[in-house]
Amino acid sequence: MSSALIYINPQAIHPVVDGVWHWTRLSAIPAPGEIVTMLCGVTAEAAFVPLQDRCTRGAPTQCPYCDVAYRRSLGWHIPARHPGLRPRAT
């Protein structure tokens, strides 16, 4: 039997942690349970669910701290009022 190859781009993966989607730099698809570190420093275990389940708990929002790190890595402008420039709430 032939294989059905499914190509996944690790650079297009945006993990969602507690309803917030993040940027991360992955060189390969993480195994379930593997720890993934986001650009903002948040860590979480990798888990996989079908895409149609993405918004079952509400639409995810973007992590402003990952956005700042991503923009800086590309040399992009960061507006002075960007929420990712504010200190994190503890």
C-alpha atoms as a PDB file:
ATOM      1  CA  MET A   1       0.000   0.000   0.000  1.00  0.00           C
ATOM      2  CA  SER A   2       1.228   3.479  -0.829  1.00  0.00           C
ATOM      3  CA  SER A   3       1.716   6.156   1.799  1.00  0.00           C
ATOM      4  CA  ALA A   4      -0.416   9.273   1.895  1.00  0.00           C
ATOM      5  CA  LEU A   5       2.215  11.898   2.545  1.00  0.00           C
ATOM      6  CA  ILE A   6       1.032  14.901   4.530  1.00  0.00           C
ATOM      7  CA  TYR A   7       3.442  17.803   4.438  1.00  0.00           C
ATOM      8  CA  ILE A   8       3.359  20.169   7.399  1.00  0.00           C
ATOM      9  CA  ASN A   9       5.337  23.399   7.606  1.00  0.00           C
ATOM     10  CA  PRO A  10       6.652  23.782  11.200  1.00  0.00           C
ATOM     11  CA  GLN A  11       7.083  27.537  10.604  1.00  0.00           C
ATOM     12  CA  ALA A  12       3.333  27.897  10.070  1.00  0.00           C
ATOM     13  CA  ILE A  13       2.413  26.396  13.438  1.00  0.00           C
ATOM     14  CA  HIS A  14       0.887  28.791  15.985  1.00  0.00           C
ATOM     15  CA  PRO A  15       0.312  26.955  19.283  1.00  0.00           C
ATOM     16  CA  VAL A  16      -2.726  28.048  21.296  1.00  0.00           C
ATOM     17  CA  VAL A  17      -2.239  28.149  25.083  1.00  0.00           C
ATOM     18  CA  ASP A  18      -5.179  29.152  27.285  1.00  0.00           C
ATOM     19  CA  GLY A  19      -6.989  30.772  24.345  1.00  0.00           C
ATOM     20  CA  VAL A  20      -3.965  32.770  23.147  1.00  0.00           C
ATOM     21  CA  TRP A  21      -2.051  31.901  19.959  1.00  0.00           C
ATOM     22  CA  HIS A  22       1.706  32.262  19.963  1.00  0.00           C
ATOM     23  CA  TRP A  23       4.680  32.369  17.642  1.00  0.00           C
ATOM     24  CA  THR A  24       7.375  29.739  18.065  1.00  0.00           C
ATOM     25  CA  ARG A  25      10.416  28.616  16.097  1.00  0.00           C
ATOM     26  CA  LEU A  26      10.103  24.906  15.350  1.00  0.00           C
ATOM     27  CA  SER A  27      12.544  22.946  13.213  1.00  0.00           C
ATOM     28  CA  ALA A  28      10.304  19.862  13.273  1.00  0.00           C
ATOM     29  CA  ILE A  29       6.802  18.866  14.314  1.00  0.00           C
ATOM     30  CA  PRO A  30       6.900  18.283  18.089  1.00  0.00           C
ATOM     31  CA  ALA A  31       5.784  14.947  19.466  1.00  0.00           C
ATOM     32  CA  PRO A  32       2.666  14.964  21.659  1.00  0.00           C
ATOM     33  CA  GLY A  33       3.754  15.871  25.191  1.00  0.00           C
ATOM     34  CA  GLU A  34       6.996  17.503  24.049  1.00  0.00           C
ATOM     35  CA  ILE A  35       7.612  20.912  25.638  1.00  0.00           C
ATOM     36  CA  VAL A  36       7.299  23.825  23.194  1.00  0.00           C
ATOM     37  CA  THR A  37       8.718  27.261  24.044  1.00  0.00           C
ATOM     38  CA  MET A  38       6.991  30.286  22.548  1.00  0.00           C
ATOM     39  CA  LEU A  39       8.829  33.471  21.495  1.00  0.00           C
ATOM     40  CA  CYS A  40       7.417  35.193  24.596  1.00  0.00           C
ATOM     41  CA  GLY A  41       8.896  32.520  26.882  1.00  0.00           C
ATOM     42  CA  VAL A  42       5.662  30.645  27.682  1.00  0.00           C
ATOM     43  CA  THR A  43       6.145  26.874  27.637  1.00  0.00           C
ATOM     44  CA  ALA A  44       3.526  24.175  27.159  1.00  0.00           C
ATOM     45  CA  GLU A  45       3.211  20.547  26.137  1.00  0.00           C
ATOM     46  CA  ALA A  46       2.436  19.877  22.474  1.00  0.00           C
ATOM     47  CA  ALA A  47      -1.014  18.416  21.799  1.00  0.00           C
ATOM     48  CA  PHE A  48      -2.920  18.007  18.572  1.00  0.00           C
ATOM     49  CA  VAL A  49      -6.642  18.429  17.841  1.00  0.00           C
ATOM     50  CA  PRO A  50      -8.587  18.756  14.568  1.00  0.00           C
ATOM     51  CA  LEU A  51      -8.707  22.262  13.091  1.00  0.00           C
ATOM     52  CA  GLN A  52     -12.502  22.411  13.393  1.00  0.00           C
ATOM     53  CA  ASP A  53     -12.047  22.325  17.200  1.00  0.00           C
ATOM     54  CA  ARG A  54      -9.938  25.514  17.154  1.00  0.00           C
ATOM     55  CA  CYS A  55     -12.715  27.876  18.212  1.00  0.00           C
ATOM     56  CA  THR A  56     -14.804  25.582  20.424  1.00  0.00           C
ATOM     57  CA  ARG A  57     -13.730  27.619  23.476  1.00  0.00           C
ATOM     58  CA  GLY A  58     -13.922  30.985  21.722  1.00  0.00           C
ATOM     59  CA  ALA A  59     -11.652  32.493  19.109  1.00  0.00           C
ATOM     60  CA  PRO A  60      -7.995  32.561  20.157  1.00  0.00           C
ATOM     61  CA  THR A  61      -6.318  35.944  20.485  1.00  0.00           C
ATOM     62  CA  GLN A  62      -2.747  36.797  19.530  1.00  0.00           C
ATOM     63  CA  CYS A  63      -0.011  36.986  22.174  1.00  0.00           C
ATOM     64  CA  PRO A  64       1.248  40.583  22.016  1.00  0.00           C
ATOM     65  CA  TYR A  65       4.648  39.593  23.483  1.00  0.00           C
ATOM     66  CA  CYS A  66       5.231  36.967  20.787  1.00  0.00           C
ATOM     67  CA  ASP A  67       4.203  39.543  18.181  1.00  0.00           C
ATOM     68  CA  VAL A  68       6.828  42.000  19.446  1.00  0.00           C
ATOM     69  CA  ALA A  69       9.533  39.289  19.461  1.00  0.00           C
ATOM     70  CA  TYR A  70       8.538  38.205  15.948  1.00  0.00           C
ATOM     71  CA  ARG A  71       8.526  41.775  14.612  1.00  0.00           C
ATOM     72  CA  ARG A  72      11.921  42.480  16.197  1.00  0.00           C
ATOM     73  CA  SER A  73      13.400  39.327  14.660  1.00  0.00           C
ATOM     74  CA  LEU A  74      12.374  40.575  11.210  1.00  0.00           C
ATOM     75  CA  GLY A  75      13.373  44.199  11.820  1.00  0.00           C
ATOM     76  CA  TRP A  76       9.768  45.354  11.448  1.00  0.00           C
ATOM     77  CA  HIS A  77       8.419  48.553  12.972  1.00  0.00           C
ATOM     78  CA  ILE A  78       6.704  48.199  16.346  1.00  0.00           C
ATOM     79  CA  PRO A  79       4.200  50.956  17.118  1.00  0.00           C
ATOM     80  CA  ALA A  80       4.951  52.796  20.374  1.00  0.00           C
ATOM     81  CA  ARG A  81       1.504  51.878  21.754  1.00  0.00           C
ATOM     82  CA  HIS A  82       1.825  48.166  20.937  1.00  0.00           C
ATOM     83  CA  PRO A  83       0.418  46.157  23.899  1.00  0.00           C
ATOM     84  CA  GLY A  84       3.431  43.814  23.818  1.00  0.00           C
ATOM     85  CA  LEU A  85       5.677  46.687  24.922  1.00  0.00           C
ATOM     86  CA  ARG A  86       3.822  46.984  28.233  1.00  0.00           C
ATOM     87  CA  PRO A  87       5.083  45.034  31.254  1.00  0.00           C
ATOM     88  CA  ARG A  88       3.308  41.720  31.776  1.00  0.00           C
ATOM     89  CA  ALA A  89       0.680  41.487  34.461  1.00  0.00           C
ATOM     90  CA  THR A  90       1.769  39.092  37.189  1.00  0.00           C
END
